[in-house]
Amino acid sequence: MKGITKENYPCLAGNTPIPNLIAGLLMIVLAIVLFHFAPIAQHETLALVSGAGGALAIGLVHAGPGAFGKKDNHH
């Protein structure tokens, strides 16, 4: 959630802070609901691999082009 910093951040709901904050909170609620209903105890290895894969994917996005894409250094 970048909305609490009052900085723009790419978001499907809008790039300004308020829509970003609301979208971030909704995604946290969705994650909690999905986590509650996920049969993690029955599929521990799959849950671990899925979580690690998601963390790797988002890490690669932010380490590479980032959320804003590549910066244009040409002025």
PDB file of N, CA and C in Angstrom:
ATOM      1  N   MET A   1       0.840  -1.182   0.000  1.00  0.00           N
ATOM      2  CA  MET A   1       0.000   0.000   0.000  1.00  0.00           C
ATOM      3  C   MET A   1       0.881   1.240   0.000  1.00  0.00           C
ATOM      4  N   LYS A   2       0.863   1.942  -1.066  1.00  0.00           N
ATOM      5  CA  LYS A   2       1.646   3.162  -1.195  1.00  0.00           C
ATOM      6  C   LYS A   2       0.789   4.375  -0.846  1.00  0.00           C
ATOM      7  N   GLY A   3      -0.522   4.202  -0.730  1.00  0.00           N
ATOM      8  CA  GLY A   3      -1.432   5.315  -0.469  1.00  0.00           C
ATOM      9  C   GLY A   3      -1.140   6.059   0.818  1.00  0.00           C
ATOM     10  N   ILE A   4      -0.606   5.385   1.809  1.00  0.00           N
ATOM     11  CA  ILE A   4      -0.345   6.052   3.082  1.00  0.00           C
ATOM     12  C   ILE A   4       0.819   7.026   3.008  1.00  0.00           C
ATOM     13  N   THR A   5       1.602   6.968   1.922  1.00  0.00           N
ATOM     14  CA  THR A   5       2.726   7.889   1.768  1.00  0.00           C
ATOM     15  C   THR A   5       2.343   9.125   0.958  1.00  0.00           C
ATOM     16  N   LYS A   6       1.115   9.158   0.441  1.00  0.00           N
ATOM     17  CA  LYS A   6       0.605  10.245  -0.415  1.00  0.00           C
ATOM     18  C   LYS A   6       1.403  10.386  -1.705  1.00  0.00           C
ATOM     19  N   GLU A   7       2.002   9.269  -2.162  1.00  0.00           N
ATOM     20  CA  GLU A   7       2.725   9.247  -3.420  1.00  0.00           C
ATOM     21  C   GLU A   7       1.916   8.454  -4.444  1.00  0.00           C
ATOM     22  N   ASN A   8       2.055   8.813  -5.718  1.00  0.00           N
ATOM     23  CA  ASN A   8       1.396   8.055  -6.771  1.00  0.00           C
ATOM     24  C   ASN A   8       2.058   6.702  -6.931  1.00  0.00           C
ATOM     25  N   TYR A   9       1.256   5.704  -7.304  1.00  0.00           N
ATOM     26  CA  TYR A   9       1.740   4.355  -7.498  1.00  0.00           C
ATOM     27  C   TYR A   9       0.780   3.665  -8.456  1.00  0.00           C
ATOM     28  N   PRO A  10       1.273   2.906  -9.433  1.00  0.00           N
ATOM     29  CA  PRO A  10       0.377   2.272 -10.393  1.00  0.00           C
ATOM     30  C   PRO A  10      -0.623   1.343  -9.715  1.00  0.00           C
ATOM     31  N   CYS A  11      -1.881   1.522 -10.044  1.00  0.00           N
ATOM     32  CA  CYS A  11      -2.948   0.729  -9.445  1.00  0.00           C
ATOM     33  C   CYS A  11      -4.114   0.708 -10.425  1.00  0.00           C
ATOM     34  N   LEU A  12      -4.781  -0.416 -10.559  1.00  0.00           N
ATOM     35  CA  LEU A  12      -5.923  -0.503 -11.467  1.00  0.00           C
ATOM     36  C   LEU A  12      -7.055   0.432 -11.064  1.00  0.00           C
ATOM     37  N   ALA A  13      -7.175   0.734  -9.787  1.00  0.00           N
ATOM     38  CA  ALA A  13      -8.247   1.607  -9.304  1.00  0.00           C
ATOM     39  C   ALA A  13      -7.912   3.079  -9.508  1.00  0.00           C
ATOM     40  N   GLY A  14      -6.700   3.407  -9.841  1.00  0.00           N
ATOM     41  CA  GLY A  14      -6.256   4.789 -10.021  1.00  0.00           C
ATOM     42  C   GLY A  14      -4.884   4.965  -9.402  1.00  0.00           C
ATOM     43  N   ASN A  15      -4.114   5.895  -9.907  1.00  0.00           N
ATOM     44  CA  ASN A  15      -2.734   6.048  -9.451  1.00  0.00           C
ATOM     45  C   ASN A  15      -2.570   7.051  -8.312  1.00  0.00           C
ATOM     46  N   THR A  16      -3.649   7.545  -7.781  1.00  0.00           N
ATOM     47  CA  THR A  16      -3.559   8.501  -6.685  1.00  0.00           C
ATOM     48  C   THR A  16      -3.643   7.765  -5.354  1.00  0.00           C
ATOM     49  N   PRO A  17      -3.282   8.427  -4.264  1.00  0.00           N
ATOM     50  CA  PRO A  17      -3.180   7.736  -2.971  1.00  0.00           C
ATOM     51  C   PRO A  17      -4.462   7.079  -2.456  1.00  0.00           C
ATOM     52  N   ILE A  18      -5.606   7.740  -2.547  1.00  0.00           N
ATOM     53  CA  ILE A  18      -6.821   7.185  -1.936  1.00  0.00           C
ATOM     54  C   ILE A  18      -7.272   5.885  -2.608  1.00  0.00           C
ATOM     55  N   PRO A  19      -7.405   5.831  -3.951  1.00  0.00           N
ATOM     56  CA  PRO A  19      -7.759   4.544  -4.562  1.00  0.00           C
ATOM     57  C   PRO A  19      -6.727   3.458  -4.284  1.00  0.00           C
ATOM     58  N   ASN A  20      -5.450   3.845  -4.215  1.00  0.00           N
ATOM     59  CA  ASN A  20      -4.410   2.871  -3.937  1.00  0.00           C
ATOM     60  C   ASN A  20      -4.546   2.305  -2.527  1.00  0.00           C
ATOM     61  N   LEU A  21      -4.829   3.157  -1.576  1.00  0.00           N
ATOM     62  CA  LEU A  21      -5.015   2.703  -0.195  1.00  0.00           C
ATOM     63  C   LEU A  21      -6.205   1.752  -0.088  1.00  0.00           C
ATOM     64  N   ILE A  22      -7.325   2.115  -0.716  1.00  0.00           N
ATOM     65  CA  ILE A  22      -8.518   1.268  -0.672  1.00  0.00           C
ATOM     66  C   ILE A  22      -8.248  -0.070  -1.355  1.00  0.00           C
ATOM     67  N   ALA A  23      -7.600  -0.044  -2.523  1.00  0.00           N
ATOM     68  CA  ALA A  23      -7.280  -1.287  -3.230  1.00  0.00           C
ATOM     69  C   ALA A  23      -6.339  -2.154  -2.396  1.00  0.00           C
ATOM     70  N   GLY A  24      -5.361  -1.538  -1.747  1.00  0.00           N
ATOM     71  CA  GLY A  24      -4.440  -2.293  -0.905  1.00  0.00           C
ATOM     72  C   GLY A  24      -5.137  -2.976   0.260  1.00  0.00           C
ATOM     73  N   LEU A  25      -6.039  -2.253   0.896  1.00  0.00           N
ATOM     74  CA  LEU A  25      -6.783  -2.843   2.015  1.00  0.00           C
ATOM     75  C   LEU A  25      -7.686  -3.987   1.547  1.00  0.00           C
ATOM     76  N   LEU A  26      -8.334  -3.800   0.385  1.00  0.00           N
ATOM     77  CA  LEU A  26      -9.179  -4.869  -0.154  1.00  0.00           C
ATOM     78  C   LEU A  26      -8.360  -6.111  -0.488  1.00  0.00           C
ATOM     79  N   MET A  27      -7.140  -5.923  -0.988  1.00  0.00           N
ATOM     80  CA  MET A  27      -6.286  -7.072  -1.309  1.00  0.00           C
ATOM     81  C   MET A  27      -5.833  -7.802  -0.044  1.00  0.00           C
ATOM     82  N   ILE A  28      -5.599  -7.054   1.033  1.00  0.00           N
ATOM     83  CA  ILE A  28      -5.244  -7.691   2.307  1.00  0.00           C
ATOM     84  C   ILE A  28      -6.415  -8.526   2.821  1.00  0.00           C
ATOM     85  N   VAL A  29      -7.626  -7.969   2.745  1.00  0.00           N
ATOM     86  CA  VAL A  29      -8.823  -8.711   3.175  1.00  0.00           C
ATOM     87  C   VAL A  29      -9.007  -9.959   2.319  1.00  0.00           C
ATOM     88  N   LEU A  30      -8.851  -9.828   1.000  1.00  0.00           N
ATOM     89  CA  LEU A  30      -8.977 -10.983   0.110  1.00  0.00           C
ATOM     90  C   LEU A  30      -7.948 -12.058   0.454  1.00  0.00           C
ATOM     91  N   ALA A  31      -6.714 -11.655   0.719  1.00  0.00           N
ATOM     92  CA  ALA A  31      -5.669 -12.621   1.085  1.00  0.00           C
ATOM     93  C   ALA A  31      -6.024 -13.357   2.379  1.00  0.00           C
ATOM     94  N   ILE A  32      -6.564 -12.633   3.351  1.00  0.00           N
ATOM     95  CA  ILE A  32      -6.951 -13.262   4.622  1.00  0.00           C
ATOM     96  C   ILE A  32      -8.078 -14.268   4.406  1.00  0.00           C
ATOM     97  N   VAL A  33      -9.073 -13.902   3.592  1.00  0.00           N
ATOM     98  CA  VAL A  33     -10.196 -14.805   3.304  1.00  0.00           C
ATOM     99  C   VAL A  33      -9.702 -16.055   2.582  1.00  0.00           C
ATOM    100  N   LEU A  34      -8.864 -15.875   1.555  1.00  0.00           N
ATOM    101  CA  LEU A  34      -8.347 -17.027   0.819  1.00  0.00           C
ATOM    102  C   LEU A  34      -7.485 -17.915   1.709  1.00  0.00           C
ATOM    103  N   PHE A  35      -6.676 -17.305   2.559  1.00  0.00           N
ATOM    104  CA  PHE A  35      -5.836 -18.068   3.482  1.00  0.00           C
ATOM    105  C   PHE A  35      -6.696 -18.871   4.453  1.00  0.00           C
ATOM    106  N   HIS A  36      -7.799 -18.286   4.903  1.00  0.00           N
ATOM    107  CA  HIS A  36      -8.690 -18.968   5.852  1.00  0.00           C
ATOM    108  C   HIS A  36      -9.280 -20.244   5.241  1.00  0.00           C
ATOM    109  N   PHE A  37      -9.656 -20.185   3.966  1.00  0.00           N
ATOM    110  CA  PHE A  37     -10.312 -21.329   3.339  1.00  0.00           C
ATOM    111  C   PHE A  37      -9.339 -22.292   2.643  1.00  0.00           C
ATOM    112  N   ALA A  38      -8.069 -21.947   2.579  1.00  0.00           N
ATOM    113  CA  ALA A  38      -7.092 -22.813   1.909  1.00  0.00           C
ATOM    114  C   ALA A  38      -6.788 -24.040   2.760  1.00  0.00           C
ATOM    115  N   PRO A  39      -6.803 -25.228   2.152  1.00  0.00           N
ATOM    116  CA  PRO A  39      -6.503 -26.456   2.909  1.00  0.00           C
ATOM    117  C   PRO A  39      -4.987 -26.676   3.044  1.00  0.00           C
ATOM    118  N   ILE A  40      -4.332 -25.757   3.753  1.00  0.00           N
ATOM    119  CA  ILE A  40      -2.874 -25.800   3.859  1.00  0.00           C
ATOM    120  C   ILE A  40      -2.394 -27.057   4.580  1.00  0.00           C
ATOM    121  N   ALA A  41      -3.095 -27.479   5.601  1.00  0.00           N
ATOM    122  CA  ALA A  41      -2.674 -28.662   6.364  1.00  0.00           C
ATOM    123  C   ALA A  41      -2.681 -29.912   5.487  1.00  0.00           C
ATOM    124  N   GLN A  42      -3.543 -29.953   4.480  1.00  0.00           N
ATOM    125  CA  GLN A  42      -3.629 -31.126   3.606  1.00  0.00           C
ATOM    126  C   GLN A  42      -2.583 -31.072   2.486  1.00  0.00           C
ATOM    127  N   HIS A  43      -2.097 -29.884   2.175  1.00  0.00           N
ATOM    128  CA  HIS A  43      -1.160 -29.714   1.062  1.00  0.00           C
ATOM    129  C   HIS A  43      -0.013 -28.792   1.485  1.00  0.00           C
ATOM    130  N   GLU A  44       0.715 -29.177   2.511  1.00  0.00           N
ATOM    131  CA  GLU A  44       1.762 -28.315   3.069  1.00  0.00           C
ATOM    132  C   GLU A  44       2.855 -27.981   2.050  1.00  0.00           C
ATOM    133  N   THR A  45       3.322 -28.968   1.313  1.00  0.00           N
ATOM    134  CA  THR A  45       4.401 -28.731   0.347  1.00  0.00           C
ATOM    135  C   THR A  45       3.945 -27.807  -0.770  1.00  0.00           C
ATOM    136  N   LEU A  46       2.756 -28.041  -1.309  1.00  0.00           N
ATOM    137  CA  LEU A  46       2.221 -27.200  -2.369  1.00  0.00           C
ATOM    138  C   LEU A  46       2.025 -25.767  -1.873  1.00  0.00           C
ATOM    139  N   ALA A  47       1.558 -25.607  -0.643  1.00  0.00           N
ATOM    140  CA  ALA A  47       1.377 -24.269  -0.077  1.00  0.00           C
ATOM    141  C   ALA A  47       2.715 -23.548   0.058  1.00  0.00           C
ATOM    142  N   LEU A  48       3.739 -24.255   0.507  1.00  0.00           N
ATOM    143  CA  LEU A  48       5.065 -23.661   0.661  1.00  0.00           C
ATOM    144  C   LEU A  48       5.654 -23.267  -0.697  1.00  0.00           C
ATOM    145  N   VAL A  49       5.556 -24.164  -1.670  1.00  0.00           N
ATOM    146  CA  VAL A  49       6.087 -23.888  -3.005  1.00  0.00           C
ATOM    147  C   VAL A  49       5.329 -22.728  -3.656  1.00  0.00           C
ATOM    148  N   SER A  50       4.010 -22.704  -3.502  1.00  0.00           N
ATOM    149  CA  SER A  50       3.206 -21.616  -4.074  1.00  0.00           C
ATOM    150  C   SER A  50       3.559 -20.270  -3.445  1.00  0.00           C
ATOM    151  N   GLY A  51       3.704 -20.249  -2.133  1.00  0.00           N
ATOM    152  CA  GLY A  51       4.074 -19.010  -1.450  1.00  0.00           C
ATOM    153  C   GLY A  51       5.462 -18.529  -1.857  1.00  0.00           C
ATOM    154  N   ALA A  52       6.398 -19.450  -1.949  1.00  0.00           N
ATOM    155  CA  ALA A  52       7.760 -19.089  -2.360  1.00  0.00           C
ATOM    156  C   ALA A  52       7.772 -18.613  -3.813  1.00  0.00           C
ATOM    157  N   GLY A  53       6.997 -19.259  -4.668  1.00  0.00           N
ATOM    158  CA  GLY A  53       6.913 -18.847  -6.068  1.00  0.00           C
ATOM    159  C   GLY A  53       6.322 -17.453  -6.215  1.00  0.00           C
ATOM    160  N   GLY A  54       5.302 -17.153  -5.438  1.00  0.00           N
ATOM    161  CA  GLY A  54       4.712 -15.815  -5.465  1.00  0.00           C
ATOM    162  C   GLY A  54       5.683 -14.756  -4.975  1.00  0.00           C
ATOM    163  N   ALA A  55       6.400 -15.057  -3.913  1.00  0.00           N
ATOM    164  CA  ALA A  55       7.392 -14.111  -3.388  1.00  0.00           C
ATOM    165  C   ALA A  55       8.512 -13.887  -4.398  1.00  0.00           C
ATOM    166  N   LEU A  56       8.945 -14.959  -5.070  1.00  0.00           N
ATOM    167  CA  LEU A  56       9.980 -14.830  -6.096  1.00  0.00           C
ATOM    168  C   LEU A  56       9.481 -13.980  -7.264  1.00  0.00           C
ATOM    169  N   ALA A  57       8.247 -14.225  -7.707  1.00  0.00           N
ATOM    170  CA  ALA A  57       7.703 -13.484  -8.850  1.00  0.00           C
ATOM    171  C   ALA A  57       7.606 -11.990  -8.551  1.00  0.00           C
ATOM    172  N   ILE A  58       7.066 -11.623  -7.405  1.00  0.00           N
ATOM    173  CA  ILE A  58       6.929 -10.197  -7.096  1.00  0.00           C
ATOM    174  C   ILE A  58       8.298  -9.576  -6.831  1.00  0.00           C
ATOM    175  N   GLY A  59       9.212 -10.341  -6.270  1.00  0.00           N
ATOM    176  CA  GLY A  59      10.568  -9.844  -6.060  1.00  0.00           C
ATOM    177  C   GLY A  59      11.265  -9.550  -7.382  1.00  0.00           C
ATOM    178  N   LEU A  60      11.082 -10.442  -8.369  1.00  0.00           N
ATOM    179  CA  LEU A  60      11.681 -10.231  -9.680  1.00  0.00           C
ATOM    180  C   LEU A  60      11.083  -9.017 -10.389  1.00  0.00           C
ATOM    181  N   VAL A  61       9.794  -8.801 -10.225  1.00  0.00           N
ATOM    182  CA  VAL A  61       9.155  -7.622 -10.828  1.00  0.00           C
ATOM    183  C   VAL A  61       9.766  -6.354 -10.250  1.00  0.00           C
ATOM    184  N   HIS A  62       9.885  -6.291  -8.942  1.00  0.00           N
ATOM    185  CA  HIS A  62      10.404  -5.076  -8.310  1.00  0.00           C
ATOM    186  C   HIS A  62      11.918  -4.929  -8.476  1.00  0.00           C
ATOM    187  N   ALA A  63      12.632  -6.031  -8.593  1.00  0.00           N
ATOM    188  CA  ALA A  63      14.080  -5.946  -8.809  1.00  0.00           C
ATOM    189  C   ALA A  63      14.403  -5.596 -10.255  1.00  0.00           C
ATOM    190  N   GLY A  64      13.525  -5.978 -11.169  1.00  0.00           N
ATOM    191  CA  GLY A  64      13.740  -5.700 -12.593  1.00  0.00           C
ATOM    192  C   GLY A  64      13.131  -4.365 -12.977  1.00  0.00           C
ATOM    193  N   PRO A  65      12.054  -4.398 -13.746  1.00  0.00           N
ATOM    194  CA  PRO A  65      11.462  -3.136 -14.213  1.00  0.00           C
ATOM    195  C   PRO A  65      10.782  -2.352 -13.106  1.00  0.00           C
ATOM    196  N   GLY A  66      10.408  -2.998 -12.029  1.00  0.00           N
ATOM    197  CA  GLY A  66       9.715  -2.303 -10.947  1.00  0.00           C
ATOM    198  C   GLY A  66       8.253  -2.079 -11.280  1.00  0.00           C
ATOM    199  N   ALA A  67       7.522  -1.529 -10.349  1.00  0.00           N
ATOM    200  CA  ALA A  67       6.095  -1.317 -10.529  1.00  0.00           C
ATOM    201  C   ALA A  67       5.799  -0.244 -11.566  1.00  0.00           C
ATOM    202  N   PHE A  68       6.700   0.702 -11.732  1.00  0.00           N
ATOM    203  CA  PHE A  68       6.491   1.794 -12.675  1.00  0.00           C
ATOM    204  C   PHE A  68       7.064   1.501 -14.052  1.00  0.00           C
ATOM    205  N   GLY A  69       7.723   0.377 -14.249  1.00  0.00           N
ATOM    206  CA  GLY A  69       8.385   0.087 -15.516  1.00  0.00           C
ATOM    207  C   GLY A  69       9.780   0.709 -15.511  1.00  0.00           C
ATOM    208  N   LYS A  70      10.463   0.540 -16.602  1.00  0.00           N
ATOM    209  CA  LYS A  70      11.832   1.087 -16.694  1.00  0.00           C
ATOM    210  C   LYS A  70      11.786   2.599 -16.799  1.00  0.00           C
ATOM    211  N   LYS A  71      12.730   3.252 -16.110  1.00  0.00           N
ATOM    212  CA  LYS A  71      12.821   4.710 -16.134  1.00  0.00           C
ATOM    213  C   LYS A  71      13.467   5.162 -17.450  1.00  0.00           C
ATOM    214  N   ASP A  72      12.942   6.245 -17.981  1.00  0.00           N
ATOM    215  CA  ASP A  72      13.503   6.833 -19.192  1.00  0.00           C
ATOM    216  C   ASP A  72      14.556   7.854 -18.759  1.00  0.00           C
ATOM    217  N   ASN A  73      15.816   7.553 -19.012  1.00  0.00           N
ATOM    218  CA  ASN A  73      16.900   8.448 -18.599  1.00  0.00           C
ATOM    219  C   ASN A  73      17.183   9.519 -19.639  1.00  0.00           C
ATOM    220  N   HIS A  74      16.445   9.526 -20.733  1.00  0.00           N
ATOM    221  CA  HIS A  74      16.648  10.523 -21.781  1.00  0.00           C
ATOM    222  C   HIS A  74      15.779  11.743 -21.490  1.00  0.00           C
ATOM    223  N   HIS A  75      16.400  12.898 -21.315  1.00  0.00           N
ATOM    224  CA  HIS A  75      15.640  14.128 -21.030  1.00  0.00           C
ATOM    225  C   HIS A  75      15.577  14.984 -22.252  1.00  0.00           C
TER     226      HIS A  75
END
